[in-house]
Amino acid sequence: DPNGLSIAGESPGRFAARHAALAMATLATSGEAADCSPTDWLASMNQAVARGLSALAPQGTRAGSTAAVVLDCGDELRFLIVGDSGVRINASELIWLHKDVDVIFTHGRVATYQHLRARGLDGDELEQRTRQLMFKGLSAAAQFDLGANDVRAIVQAASQACAPRLKDDAQPLVEDLLMTGIARGQSVFANRADHSLGYALVNGGRTLGMDMLSFSRPKSQVRSIELFTDGYATCPAGVGLRAWEEEFARVEALDFAKIDAHPSVKGSTSAQFSDDRSVLVVQLQ
């Protein structure tokens, strides 16, 4: 967690993910899940997160997770995606949703990274300072020896890069969000279905947003399923853990900083990768 927050020894994201996963596993093994709707699945996961927070976290603590779920319902497989974890079926059909608020912070980070690099920063210091500015917001620029002209240049570059990708209701918010930062600016759009920057989250409340999808596929037509988090920037050609890790290594070698071929809200450092990654591969006979 960027704030260093821990809930019963876990980061908030892992805490929410674990409680949601246990709820879904309980539902699936009860024999009742196939008769429930994805709305019911979400309710079960959110209730589990809410109970966990109530029991183990200080009042007001936030914790949320994405979700990628597949349930065997006899002749069909039913899927649910929440947030930017993805699903690939038969190594060819990719369902991977993204949120527009990440567009803003990605282009903000790239502009900040390039601006600081032009001033002579490099290596881990460059990445860490860029991350801090995106997390805390450019309003904290003075702490990093950046003046008003530096901030203006970063905002202008990011705004121009964002323009083709954002809806009309988001365009006027780019500067404010970059000034506020991820820590204070992004969460106000969690589970909002009334704004293009809204994104879905399993956080103990009601999950809403455009990056949420449920669907089904005939089981007889499915040979493989891969569920993965966005620590993987791309998907491999082949199926299996080795293929995913080889693709991950290729991306790291190609764009270690995540500002060129695979821009992101975080880059890698010598001590840590840009994001945590998980992949679950299921091959059906």
Protein backbone atom coordinates (compact mmCIF):
# COMPACT_ATOMS: atom_id res chain seq x y z
CA ASP A 1 0.00 0.00 0.00
CA PRO A 2 1.44 3.44 -0.94
CA ASN A 3 0.57 4.78 2.53
CA GLY A 4 2.10 1.80 4.29
CA LEU A 5 -1.31 0.87 5.69
CA SER A 6 -1.72 -2.67 6.98
CA ILE A 7 -4.87 -4.51 8.07
CA ALA A 8 -4.15 -7.52 10.27
CA GLY A 9 -0.76 -7.84 8.59
CA GLU A 10 -2.00 -7.48 5.02
CA SER A 11 -2.11 -4.61 2.57
CA PRO A 12 -5.67 -3.29 2.03
CA GLY A 13 -5.75 -4.68 -1.51
CA ARG A 14 -4.73 -8.15 -0.45
CA PHE A 15 -7.09 -8.00 2.52
CA ALA A 16 -10.06 -7.21 0.26
CA ALA A 17 -9.01 -9.76 -2.35
CA ARG A 18 -8.64 -12.55 0.20
CA HIS A 19 -12.02 -11.93 1.81
CA ALA A 20 -13.73 -11.68 -1.58
CA ALA A 21 -12.04 -14.87 -2.81
CA LEU A 22 -13.03 -16.81 0.31
CA ALA A 23 -16.63 -15.66 -0.09
CA MET A 24 -16.69 -16.75 -3.72
CA ALA A 25 -15.08 -20.10 -2.89
CA THR A 26 -17.67 -20.70 -0.16
CA LEU A 27 -20.48 -19.83 -2.55
CA ALA A 28 -19.08 -22.03 -5.33
CA THR A 29 -18.65 -25.09 -3.11
CA SER A 30 -22.08 -24.71 -1.57
CA GLY A 31 -23.76 -25.72 -4.81
CA GLU A 32 -25.83 -22.55 -4.81
CA ALA A 33 -23.67 -20.28 -6.97
CA ALA A 34 -25.02 -21.57 -10.28
CA ASP A 35 -28.50 -20.49 -9.19
CA CYS A 36 -27.28 -17.02 -8.23
CA SER A 37 -26.76 -14.04 -10.50
CA PRO A 38 -23.45 -12.14 -10.80
CA THR A 39 -25.15 -9.45 -8.74
CA ASP A 40 -25.51 -12.03 -5.97
CA TRP A 41 -21.86 -13.02 -6.34
CA LEU A 42 -20.83 -9.39 -5.96
CA ALA A 43 -23.07 -8.97 -2.93
CA SER A 44 -21.44 -11.98 -1.26
CA MET A 45 -17.93 -10.72 -1.94
CA ASN A 46 -18.72 -7.19 -0.79
CA GLN A 47 -20.41 -8.42 2.37
CA ALA A 48 -17.33 -10.47 3.20
CA VAL A 49 -15.04 -7.46 2.70
CA ALA A 50 -17.35 -5.28 4.81
CA ARG A 51 -17.41 -7.84 7.63
CA GLY A 52 -13.64 -8.15 7.55
CA LEU A 53 -13.15 -4.39 7.71
CA SER A 54 -15.66 -4.06 10.53
CA ALA A 55 -13.92 -6.76 12.56
CA LEU A 56 -10.27 -5.97 11.92
CA ALA A 57 -9.77 -2.42 10.65
CA PRO A 58 -10.15 1.04 12.18
CA GLN A 59 -13.40 2.78 11.25
CA GLY A 60 -13.19 4.49 7.87
CA THR A 61 -10.42 2.23 6.49
CA ARG A 62 -10.75 1.65 2.74
CA ALA A 63 -9.84 -1.63 1.05
CA GLY A 64 -10.75 -2.75 -2.44
CA SER A 65 -9.94 -5.34 -5.06
CA THR A 66 -10.55 -6.21 -8.66
CA ALA A 67 -11.98 -9.64 -9.49
CA ALA A 68 -11.79 -12.21 -12.25
CA VAL A 69 -14.15 -15.12 -11.62
CA VAL A 70 -15.15 -18.19 -13.60
CA LEU A 71 -17.72 -20.69 -12.35
CA ASP A 72 -18.40 -24.15 -13.77
CA CYS A 73 -22.17 -24.42 -14.18
CA GLY A 74 -22.41 -27.74 -15.96
CA ASP A 75 -22.80 -27.14 -19.69
CA GLU A 76 -21.67 -23.54 -19.45
CA LEU A 77 -18.94 -21.50 -17.82
CA ARG A 78 -19.99 -18.19 -16.27
CA PHE A 79 -17.55 -15.33 -15.94
CA LEU A 80 -17.40 -12.09 -13.98
CA ILE A 81 -14.81 -9.33 -14.34
CA VAL A 82 -14.52 -6.34 -12.02
CA GLY A 83 -11.83 -3.77 -12.74
CA ASP A 84 -8.63 -4.29 -14.67
CA SER A 85 -7.95 -7.95 -14.03
CA GLY A 86 -8.49 -9.84 -17.27
CA VAL A 87 -9.63 -13.13 -18.78
CA ARG A 88 -8.35 -14.88 -21.88
CA ILE A 89 -10.23 -17.84 -23.35
CA ASN A 90 -8.62 -20.36 -25.70
CA ALA A 91 -5.54 -18.11 -25.92
CA SER A 92 -7.42 -15.96 -28.41
CA GLU A 93 -10.47 -14.25 -26.87
CA LEU A 94 -9.26 -11.48 -24.58
CA ILE A 95 -11.61 -9.65 -22.22
CA TRP A 96 -9.62 -6.98 -20.38
CA LEU A 97 -11.28 -3.79 -19.18
CA HIS A 98 -9.50 -0.55 -18.28
CA LYS A 99 -10.51 2.60 -16.45
CA ASP A 100 -10.19 6.09 -17.87
CA VAL A 101 -8.86 7.59 -14.65
CA ASP A 102 -5.71 5.51 -15.26
CA VAL A 103 -5.30 7.31 -18.59
CA ILE A 104 -4.89 10.58 -16.71
CA PHE A 105 -2.38 9.30 -14.17
CA THR A 106 -0.47 7.29 -16.78
CA HIS A 107 0.06 10.32 -19.01
CA GLY A 108 0.72 12.44 -15.94
CA ARG A 109 3.41 10.02 -14.83
CA VAL A 110 4.99 9.83 -18.28
CA ALA A 111 5.10 13.63 -18.53
CA THR A 112 6.54 13.92 -15.00
CA TYR A 113 9.13 11.19 -15.66
CA GLN A 114 10.28 12.82 -18.88
CA HIS A 115 10.43 16.27 -17.26
CA LEU A 116 12.50 15.03 -14.31
CA ARG A 117 14.77 13.03 -16.59
CA ALA A 118 15.44 16.14 -18.64
CA ARG A 119 16.53 17.81 -15.39
CA GLY A 120 19.16 15.12 -14.86
CA LEU A 121 17.48 12.54 -12.62
CA ASP A 122 17.86 8.87 -13.47
CA GLY A 123 17.62 5.35 -12.10
CA ASP A 124 15.57 4.47 -9.04
CA GLU A 125 15.53 8.06 -7.80
CA LEU A 126 13.80 9.14 -11.00
CA GLU A 127 11.12 6.45 -10.72
CA GLN A 128 10.55 6.92 -7.00
CA ARG A 129 10.23 10.69 -7.25
CA THR A 130 7.84 10.35 -10.19
CA ARG A 131 5.71 7.86 -8.23
CA GLN A 132 5.58 10.16 -5.23
CA LEU A 133 4.47 13.09 -7.34
CA MET A 134 1.70 11.05 -8.94
CA PHE A 135 0.60 9.66 -5.59
CA LYS A 136 0.79 12.90 -3.61
CA GLY A 137 -0.10 15.12 -6.57
CA LEU A 138 1.72 17.93 -8.31
CA SER A 139 0.54 20.26 -5.55
CA ALA A 140 3.48 18.76 -3.62
CA ALA A 141 5.93 19.71 -6.38
CA ALA A 142 7.76 22.23 -4.19
CA GLN A 143 8.88 19.35 -1.95
CA PHE A 144 10.72 17.98 -4.96
CA ASP A 145 12.31 21.26 -6.08
CA LEU A 146 9.81 21.85 -8.87
CA GLY A 147 8.40 25.30 -9.48
CA ALA A 148 5.21 26.61 -11.03
CA ASN A 149 6.66 26.54 -14.54
CA ASP A 150 7.65 22.88 -14.14
CA VAL A 151 4.16 21.97 -12.98
CA ARG A 152 2.59 23.93 -15.80
CA ALA A 153 4.74 22.11 -18.39
CA ILE A 154 3.89 18.68 -16.95
CA VAL A 155 0.15 19.38 -16.82
CA GLN A 156 0.14 20.76 -20.35
CA ALA A 157 2.00 17.73 -21.77
CA ALA A 158 -0.25 15.28 -19.93
CA SER A 159 -3.45 17.10 -20.90
CA GLN A 160 -2.53 17.05 -24.58
CA ALA A 161 -1.71 13.33 -24.42
CA CYS A 162 -4.99 12.57 -22.60
CA ALA A 163 -7.26 14.59 -24.88
CA PRO A 164 -7.94 11.91 -27.54
CA ARG A 165 -8.70 9.26 -24.92
CA LEU A 166 -11.11 10.97 -22.52
CA LYS A 167 -14.83 11.67 -22.57
CA ASP A 168 -16.17 15.21 -22.35
CA ASP A 169 -16.96 14.99 -18.63
CA ALA A 170 -13.35 14.04 -17.84
CA GLN A 171 -11.46 16.60 -19.91
CA PRO A 172 -11.90 19.51 -17.46
CA LEU A 173 -10.71 17.37 -14.52
CA VAL A 174 -7.23 16.45 -15.77
CA GLU A 175 -5.35 19.30 -14.11
CA ASP A 176 -7.22 19.01 -10.81
CA LEU A 177 -6.58 15.27 -10.61
CA LEU A 178 -2.89 15.65 -11.39
CA MET A 179 -2.59 18.33 -8.75
CA THR A 180 -4.51 16.24 -6.20
CA GLY A 181 -2.80 12.93 -6.97
CA ILE A 182 -3.90 9.31 -6.88
CA ALA A 183 -4.15 9.20 -3.09
CA ARG A 184 -6.83 11.86 -2.81
CA GLY A 185 -8.22 12.15 -6.31
CA GLN A 186 -8.90 8.68 -7.67
CA SER A 187 -10.98 7.13 -4.91
CA VAL A 188 -13.88 9.58 -5.35
CA PHE A 189 -14.67 7.78 -8.63
CA ALA A 190 -14.79 4.28 -7.12
CA ASN A 191 -18.10 2.54 -7.93
CA ARG A 192 -19.54 5.53 -9.73
CA ALA A 193 -21.69 4.69 -12.73
CA ASP A 194 -22.57 8.31 -13.50
CA HIS A 195 -19.15 9.48 -14.69
CA SER A 196 -16.73 8.26 -17.35
CA LEU A 197 -13.91 8.20 -14.76
CA GLY A 198 -15.93 5.86 -12.54
CA TYR A 199 -14.46 2.41 -11.97
CA ALA A 200 -15.73 -0.79 -10.37
CA LEU A 201 -14.29 -2.09 -7.13
CA VAL A 202 -15.07 -4.86 -4.65
CA ASN A 203 -14.72 -2.78 -1.50
CA GLY A 204 -17.52 -3.71 0.87
CA GLY A 205 -20.07 -1.43 -0.77
CA ARG A 206 -22.03 -1.68 -4.00
CA THR A 207 -19.90 -2.45 -7.04
CA LEU A 208 -20.72 -0.24 -10.02
CA GLY A 209 -18.87 1.05 -13.06
CA MET A 210 -18.20 0.54 -16.73
CA ASP A 211 -15.26 -1.80 -16.12
CA MET A 212 -17.52 -4.61 -14.95
CA LEU A 213 -18.80 -7.41 -17.14
CA SER A 214 -20.51 -10.78 -16.78
CA PHE A 215 -20.88 -13.30 -19.60
CA SER A 216 -20.96 -17.03 -20.30
CA ARG A 217 -19.45 -19.50 -22.78
CA PRO A 218 -20.45 -23.06 -23.71
CA LYS A 219 -18.14 -25.33 -21.77
CA SER A 220 -17.68 -27.63 -24.75
CA GLN A 221 -16.04 -24.78 -26.71
CA VAL A 222 -13.49 -23.81 -24.05
CA ARG A 223 -10.03 -25.41 -24.03
CA SER A 224 -8.18 -23.00 -21.76
CA ILE A 225 -8.89 -20.11 -19.41
CA GLU A 226 -6.33 -17.61 -18.12
CA LEU A 227 -7.21 -15.17 -15.34
CA PHE A 228 -4.58 -12.48 -14.73
CA THR A 229 -3.90 -9.18 -13.00
CA ASP A 230 -2.50 -6.06 -14.64
CA GLY A 231 1.00 -6.73 -13.36
CA TYR A 232 1.21 -8.35 -16.78
CA ALA A 233 1.18 -5.58 -19.36
CA THR A 234 0.56 -7.95 -22.27
CA CYS A 235 -0.53 -11.52 -22.97
CA PRO A 236 1.78 -14.23 -24.38
CA ALA A 237 1.18 -16.16 -27.57
CA GLY A 238 1.21 -19.47 -25.72
CA VAL A 239 -0.66 -20.86 -22.72
CA GLY A 240 0.92 -21.65 -19.37
CA LEU A 241 2.89 -20.02 -16.60
CA ARG A 242 6.21 -20.19 -18.42
CA ALA A 243 4.72 -18.37 -21.43
CA TRP A 244 3.36 -15.62 -19.17
CA GLU A 245 6.65 -15.17 -17.34
CA GLU A 246 8.64 -15.11 -20.57
CA GLU A 247 6.28 -12.44 -21.91
CA PHE A 248 6.68 -10.48 -18.67
CA ALA A 249 10.48 -10.63 -19.02
CA ARG A 250 10.22 -9.45 -22.63
CA VAL A 251 8.17 -6.41 -21.60
CA GLU A 252 10.59 -5.60 -18.76
CA ALA A 253 13.50 -5.64 -21.18
CA LEU A 254 11.61 -3.56 -23.74
CA ASP A 255 10.17 -0.88 -21.45
CA PHE A 256 11.52 -1.19 -17.91
CA ALA A 257 10.34 2.33 -16.98
CA LYS A 258 6.85 1.83 -18.51
CA ILE A 259 6.86 5.12 -20.39
CA ASP A 260 7.26 4.02 -24.01
CA ALA A 261 5.80 0.83 -25.49
CA HIS A 262 3.81 0.01 -22.34
CA PRO A 263 3.08 3.20 -20.41
CA SER A 264 1.62 2.73 -16.95
CA VAL A 265 0.95 4.50 -13.66
CA LYS A 266 4.10 2.83 -12.25
CA GLY A 267 7.46 1.71 -13.58
CA SER A 268 9.93 -0.87 -12.31
CA THR A 269 12.94 -0.21 -10.10
CA SER A 270 16.02 -2.25 -9.25
CA ALA A 271 14.19 -3.53 -6.15
CA GLN A 272 10.61 -4.04 -7.33
CA PHE A 273 8.55 -4.54 -10.46
CA SER A 274 5.99 -1.99 -11.59
CA ASP A 275 3.09 -3.94 -10.12
CA ASP A 276 2.19 -7.23 -8.49
CA ARG A 277 1.16 -9.94 -10.87
CA SER A 278 -0.87 -13.11 -10.64
CA VAL A 279 -2.05 -15.53 -13.29
CA LEU A 280 -4.20 -18.63 -12.99
CA VAL A 281 -4.20 -20.99 -15.97
CA VAL A 282 -6.92 -23.64 -16.35
CA GLN A 283 -6.75 -26.18 -19.17
CA LEU A 284 -9.88 -28.22 -19.86
CA GLN A 285 -9.82 -31.72 -21.28
